[in-house]
Amino acid sequence: MNAPVPYRGALRSRSETPLGSLALRTTQLFGIPLAEVTYDDVVELVNHALAGSQRGAITIDAINTMGISESCFDAQMRQALLHYDLIVPDGMPLVWCMNAKGARLGDRVYGPYLTDRLLVRLARRTRVAVIGGFAAVHEWLRDAGPSRYPNADFVLLYDAPTGVIDDTYVADCLERIDYSRAELVFVCLGVPRQYYWTALASGRLGRRVCVSVGGAFDLISGAKPYAPAWIQRSGLTWLHRLIHEPARLGPRYLKYNSAFLWLLLTRELLRRRPPPAAIMR
């Protein structure tokens, strides 16, 4: 694991930032501003933006404990993450940390549920692009989308290739988005690739709304199972995913969930400097 990214944020900082029609209060965790919002708040914000109230693009991400930990060791990912307009807590452990600092959240804003609610509650007919995902999920969206999401026109379902996220890669995607005239873009490239993509694309998205959602459509479509409600409430969604995908997720969870506990102890509880890189390898 790389050495921790230098951290200079206020440990217990909370602030208020205007975004659209909302005055958003945020709580910093490891220097990342997490928004104190509900599903309804984000749906309102997106519909407000799609109504033409914004001068530029709005970028939104739902981050979990693994993602926020990884951002502390990947400088490029951290820089990209900090350029998002809205970062919401995808995991219950993040909600608990925020509440310990004074927030009053009753639930997380889970990426798959957020994605589904955004599409169900679109206030008007909206042209939607999905960057990433797999052919089977795209086929499900073509079949089920018109009835499940009556105001969503899926004008671009692009099974973006694997590979390095660079200007050429992003330019190809943006050309497709421009041609489709999509207004709402879901980026499903996984962590950290979707952060790199959004950082490079954000200045060229016009007035679109761009939401990073990872594998949200895999769950919505039924390609992968949701964790039972009690597991979600207990903050153990990661364990449910690990059981179903041990080879893919095991090494990453071992590395970054352990790092999350260490970061929480050293940066938030004991307020001392992070350990040498050798300890975290």
Protein backbone atom coordinates (compact mmCIF):
# COMPACT_ATOMS: atom_id res chain seq x y z
CA MET A 1 0.00 0.00 0.00
CA ASN A 2 1.25 3.50 -0.76
CA ALA A 3 2.14 5.96 1.97
CA PRO A 4 -0.85 7.88 3.36
CA VAL A 5 -1.73 11.08 1.54
CA PRO A 6 -0.85 14.10 3.73
CA TYR A 7 -3.88 15.24 5.69
CA ARG A 8 -4.40 18.81 6.86
CA GLY A 9 -8.16 18.96 7.35
CA ALA A 10 -9.92 20.00 10.56
CA LEU A 11 -10.73 16.83 12.46
CA ARG A 12 -14.19 17.85 13.61
CA SER A 13 -15.07 20.38 10.94
CA ARG A 14 -18.67 20.84 9.83
CA SER A 15 -19.68 23.46 7.31
CA GLU A 16 -22.53 24.63 5.12
CA THR A 17 -22.27 24.92 1.34
CA PRO A 18 -24.95 26.18 -1.07
CA LEU A 19 -25.76 23.83 -3.95
CA GLY A 20 -28.81 24.43 -6.10
CA SER A 21 -31.82 25.06 -3.92
CA LEU A 22 -30.22 23.39 -0.91
CA ALA A 23 -27.88 24.71 1.75
CA LEU A 24 -25.91 21.52 2.34
CA ARG A 25 -24.26 20.86 5.65
CA THR A 26 -21.20 18.63 5.46
CA THR A 27 -19.11 16.70 7.96
CA GLN A 28 -15.46 16.02 7.23
CA LEU A 29 -14.06 12.54 7.66
CA PHE A 30 -10.35 12.12 6.87
CA GLY A 31 -10.63 15.50 5.15
CA ILE A 32 -13.44 14.40 2.81
CA PRO A 33 -16.65 16.51 3.10
CA LEU A 34 -19.59 14.13 3.45
CA ALA A 35 -23.01 15.68 2.90
CA GLU A 36 -25.66 15.43 5.61
CA VAL A 37 -28.48 14.62 3.21
CA THR A 38 -31.32 12.17 2.65
CA TYR A 39 -32.43 10.40 -0.52
CA ASP A 40 -35.15 13.02 -0.92
CA ASP A 41 -32.61 15.85 -0.74
CA VAL A 42 -30.53 14.38 -3.56
CA VAL A 43 -33.59 13.66 -5.72
CA GLU A 44 -34.70 17.28 -5.25
CA LEU A 45 -31.25 18.58 -6.13
CA VAL A 46 -31.02 16.49 -9.31
CA ASN A 47 -34.49 17.45 -10.52
CA HIS A 48 -33.71 21.09 -9.78
CA ALA A 49 -30.52 20.87 -11.83
CA LEU A 50 -32.24 19.09 -14.71
CA ALA A 51 -34.79 21.90 -14.78
CA GLY A 52 -31.99 24.14 -16.00
CA SER A 53 -31.09 25.99 -12.82
CA GLN A 54 -27.35 25.22 -12.94
CA ARG A 55 -24.68 27.03 -14.91
CA GLY A 56 -22.43 23.98 -15.17
CA ALA A 57 -22.28 20.27 -14.49
CA ILE A 58 -23.07 18.75 -11.11
CA THR A 59 -21.07 15.70 -10.02
CA ILE A 60 -22.29 13.36 -7.28
CA ASP A 61 -20.73 10.32 -5.63
CA ALA A 62 -21.91 7.79 -3.05
CA ILE A 63 -18.79 6.65 -1.19
CA ASN A 64 -18.33 3.76 1.24
CA THR A 65 -15.68 2.99 3.85
CA MET A 66 -13.44 1.19 1.38
CA GLY A 67 -13.54 4.13 -1.03
CA ILE A 68 -12.84 6.79 1.57
CA SER A 69 -9.95 4.72 2.94
CA GLU A 70 -8.48 4.18 -0.52
CA SER A 71 -8.61 7.93 -1.13
CA CYS A 72 -6.22 8.38 1.78
CA PHE A 73 -3.53 6.35 -0.03
CA ASP A 74 -4.18 7.29 -3.67
CA ALA A 75 -3.38 10.95 -4.27
CA GLN A 76 -4.95 10.98 -7.74
CA MET A 77 -8.18 9.48 -6.44
CA ARG A 78 -8.28 11.89 -3.51
CA GLN A 79 -7.79 14.91 -5.74
CA ALA A 80 -10.55 13.67 -8.05
CA LEU A 81 -12.90 12.98 -5.14
CA LEU A 82 -12.46 16.45 -3.69
CA HIS A 83 -13.63 17.98 -6.97
CA TYR A 84 -17.09 16.40 -6.69
CA ASP A 85 -19.92 18.79 -5.91
CA LEU A 86 -21.67 16.34 -3.61
CA ILE A 87 -20.31 13.28 -1.77
CA VAL A 88 -22.87 11.24 0.17
CA PRO A 89 -22.25 8.48 2.77
CA ASP A 90 -22.97 5.11 1.14
CA GLY A 91 -22.15 3.06 4.26
CA MET A 92 -23.60 2.98 7.77
CA PRO A 93 -20.14 3.19 9.41
CA LEU A 94 -19.71 6.57 7.72
CA VAL A 95 -23.11 7.68 9.03
CA TRP A 96 -22.12 6.63 12.56
CA CYS A 97 -18.86 8.60 12.30
CA MET A 98 -20.71 11.66 11.02
CA ASN A 99 -23.30 11.46 13.80
CA ALA A 100 -20.52 11.22 16.35
CA LYS A 101 -19.38 14.62 15.05
CA GLY A 102 -22.80 16.21 15.36
CA ALA A 103 -24.75 15.14 12.28
CA ARG A 104 -28.24 13.78 12.77
CA LEU A 105 -28.59 11.26 10.00
CA GLY A 106 -31.01 8.37 10.31
CA ASP A 107 -29.79 6.43 7.29
CA ARG A 108 -27.09 6.26 4.67
CA VAL A 109 -27.56 7.20 1.02
CA TYR A 110 -26.83 3.83 -0.57
CA GLY A 111 -25.75 4.08 -4.21
CA PRO A 112 -28.13 1.45 -5.67
CA TYR A 113 -31.15 2.81 -3.78
CA LEU A 114 -30.21 6.36 -4.75
CA THR A 115 -29.87 5.41 -8.41
CA ASP A 116 -33.24 3.69 -8.43
CA ARG A 117 -34.98 6.61 -6.69
CA LEU A 118 -33.42 9.20 -8.98
CA LEU A 119 -34.74 7.36 -12.03
CA VAL A 120 -38.16 6.56 -10.56
CA ARG A 121 -38.71 10.15 -9.45
CA LEU A 122 -37.49 12.09 -12.48
CA ALA A 123 -39.79 15.11 -12.71
CA ARG A 124 -39.79 15.15 -16.52
CA ARG A 125 -38.69 13.09 -19.51
CA THR A 126 -34.92 12.90 -19.27
CA ARG A 127 -32.26 11.54 -21.60
CA VAL A 128 -30.06 9.15 -19.61
CA ALA A 129 -26.61 7.70 -20.34
CA VAL A 130 -24.95 4.78 -18.57
CA ILE A 131 -21.16 4.57 -18.92
CA GLY A 132 -19.92 1.13 -17.92
CA GLY A 133 -21.81 -1.91 -16.73
CA PHE A 134 -22.30 -5.12 -18.67
CA ALA A 135 -24.36 -6.23 -21.66
CA ALA A 136 -26.83 -8.21 -19.53
CA VAL A 137 -27.56 -5.20 -17.34
CA HIS A 138 -27.96 -2.96 -20.36
CA GLU A 139 -30.39 -5.44 -21.86
CA TRP A 140 -32.39 -5.37 -18.61
CA LEU A 141 -32.54 -1.58 -18.78
CA ARG A 142 -33.83 -1.74 -22.35
CA ASP A 143 -36.51 -4.26 -21.37
CA ALA A 144 -37.54 -3.08 -17.90
CA GLY A 145 -36.60 0.58 -18.10
CA PRO A 146 -39.72 1.90 -19.89
CA SER A 147 -42.10 0.51 -17.26
CA ARG A 148 -39.92 0.92 -14.17
CA TYR A 149 -38.64 4.38 -15.11
CA PRO A 150 -41.29 6.01 -17.31
CA ASN A 151 -39.52 9.39 -17.45
CA ALA A 152 -36.10 7.96 -18.31
CA ASP A 153 -35.04 7.60 -21.93
CA PHE A 154 -31.91 5.43 -21.96
CA VAL A 155 -30.27 6.98 -24.98
CA LEU A 156 -26.77 5.60 -24.34
CA LEU A 157 -25.82 2.28 -22.73
CA TYR A 158 -22.09 2.02 -23.28
CA ASP A 159 -20.18 -1.06 -22.16
CA ALA A 160 -17.00 0.97 -21.77
CA PRO A 161 -13.82 -1.10 -22.14
CA THR A 162 -11.32 -1.83 -19.42
CA GLY A 163 -8.05 0.02 -19.53
CA VAL A 164 -6.35 3.17 -18.35
CA ILE A 165 -8.62 6.17 -17.80
CA ASP A 166 -6.91 8.93 -19.76
CA ASP A 167 -7.92 11.84 -21.99
CA THR A 168 -8.40 9.57 -25.01
CA TYR A 169 -10.62 7.19 -23.09
CA VAL A 170 -12.74 10.01 -21.64
CA ALA A 171 -12.94 11.85 -24.97
CA ASP A 172 -14.41 8.74 -26.60
CA CYS A 173 -17.09 8.50 -23.90
CA LEU A 174 -17.88 12.21 -24.08
CA GLU A 175 -18.28 12.06 -27.84
CA ARG A 176 -20.90 9.34 -27.36
CA ILE A 177 -22.61 11.32 -24.60
CA ASP A 178 -22.70 14.46 -26.73
CA TYR A 179 -24.11 12.55 -29.71
CA SER A 180 -26.83 11.00 -27.51
CA ARG A 181 -27.68 14.41 -25.99
CA ALA A 182 -27.90 12.76 -22.57
CA GLU A 183 -28.73 15.04 -19.64
CA LEU A 184 -28.19 12.61 -16.75
CA VAL A 185 -25.07 10.41 -16.77
CA PHE A 186 -24.44 7.41 -14.52
CA VAL A 187 -20.78 6.36 -14.35
CA CYS A 188 -20.38 2.67 -13.51
CA LEU A 189 -16.64 2.09 -13.85
CA GLY A 190 -15.86 1.04 -10.27
CA VAL A 191 -13.39 2.47 -7.77
CA PRO A 192 -11.08 4.23 -8.44
CA ARG A 193 -11.63 4.36 -12.25
CA GLN A 194 -14.94 6.24 -12.06
CA TYR A 195 -13.27 8.96 -9.98
CA TYR A 196 -10.49 9.39 -12.52
CA TRP A 197 -13.09 9.50 -15.31
CA THR A 198 -15.22 12.16 -13.64
CA ALA A 199 -12.21 14.33 -12.82
CA LEU A 200 -11.18 14.39 -16.48
CA ALA A 201 -14.72 14.77 -17.79
CA SER A 202 -16.24 17.29 -15.39
CA GLY A 203 -15.08 20.37 -17.26
CA ARG A 204 -16.57 19.04 -20.52
CA LEU A 205 -19.96 17.83 -19.28
CA GLY A 206 -21.78 21.10 -19.95
CA ARG A 207 -24.83 21.38 -17.69
CA ARG A 208 -25.30 17.65 -17.18
CA VAL A 209 -25.74 15.83 -13.89
CA CYS A 210 -23.14 13.08 -13.46
CA VAL A 211 -23.49 10.43 -10.75
CA SER A 212 -20.83 7.82 -9.91
CA VAL A 213 -22.63 4.65 -8.86
CA GLY A 214 -20.23 1.72 -9.34
CA GLY A 215 -22.17 -1.55 -9.61
CA ALA A 216 -25.56 -0.11 -8.65
CA PHE A 217 -27.33 -1.44 -11.72
CA ASP A 218 -26.08 -4.97 -11.01
CA LEU A 219 -28.16 -4.92 -7.83
CA ILE A 220 -31.14 -3.05 -9.25
CA SER A 221 -31.42 -5.47 -12.16
CA GLY A 222 -31.14 -8.54 -9.94
CA ALA A 223 -27.84 -9.65 -11.46
CA LYS A 224 -26.43 -9.58 -7.91
CA PRO A 225 -28.39 -9.93 -4.64
CA TYR A 226 -29.02 -7.14 -2.15
CA ALA A 227 -27.94 -7.77 1.42
CA PRO A 228 -30.87 -8.46 3.78
CA ALA A 229 -32.22 -5.34 5.46
CA TRP A 230 -30.89 -6.28 8.91
CA ILE A 231 -27.39 -6.72 7.52
CA GLN A 232 -27.58 -3.31 5.86
CA ARG A 233 -28.78 -1.65 9.08
CA SER A 234 -25.91 -3.31 10.95
CA GLY A 235 -23.30 -1.85 8.63
CA LEU A 236 -22.33 -5.28 7.31
CA THR A 237 -23.17 -4.90 3.62
CA TRP A 238 -19.45 -5.34 2.95
CA LEU A 239 -19.55 -8.79 4.58
CA HIS A 240 -22.49 -9.85 2.42
CA ARG A 241 -20.61 -8.75 -0.70
CA LEU A 242 -17.45 -10.49 0.48
CA ILE A 243 -19.31 -13.79 0.90
CA HIS A 244 -20.59 -13.57 -2.68
CA GLU A 245 -17.34 -12.32 -4.28
CA PRO A 246 -14.45 -13.45 -2.04
CA ALA A 247 -11.76 -13.63 -4.73
CA ARG A 248 -12.43 -10.15 -6.09
CA LEU A 249 -13.25 -8.28 -2.89
CA GLY A 250 -11.29 -10.20 -0.23
CA PRO A 251 -7.88 -8.57 -0.74
CA ARG A 252 -9.35 -5.07 -1.13
CA TYR A 253 -11.56 -5.34 1.96
CA LEU A 254 -8.71 -6.76 4.04
CA LYS A 255 -6.49 -3.86 3.01
CA TYR A 256 -8.89 -0.92 3.10
CA ASN A 257 -11.30 -1.92 5.87
CA SER A 258 -8.29 -2.44 8.12
CA ALA A 259 -6.94 0.91 6.95
CA PHE A 260 -10.30 2.54 7.78
CA LEU A 261 -10.06 1.42 11.41
CA TRP A 262 -6.47 2.62 11.64
CA LEU A 263 -7.30 5.97 10.08
CA LEU A 264 -10.29 6.38 12.36
CA LEU A 265 -8.11 5.73 15.38
CA THR A 266 -5.14 7.89 14.39
CA ARG A 267 -6.81 10.76 12.54
CA GLU A 268 -10.11 11.10 14.34
CA LEU A 269 -9.84 9.59 17.82
CA LEU A 270 -6.23 9.99 18.90
CA ARG A 271 -5.51 12.92 16.56
CA ARG A 272 -1.99 11.86 15.86
CA ARG A 273 -0.09 11.46 12.64
CA PRO A 274 -0.64 8.36 10.50
CA PRO A 275 1.90 5.50 10.71
CA PRO A 276 4.87 5.02 8.40
CA ALA A 277 4.05 3.42 5.08
CA ALA A 278 5.83 0.24 6.09
CA ILE A 279 3.26 -0.47 8.81
CA MET A 280 0.41 -0.25 6.27
CA ARG A 281 1.96 -2.59 3.70
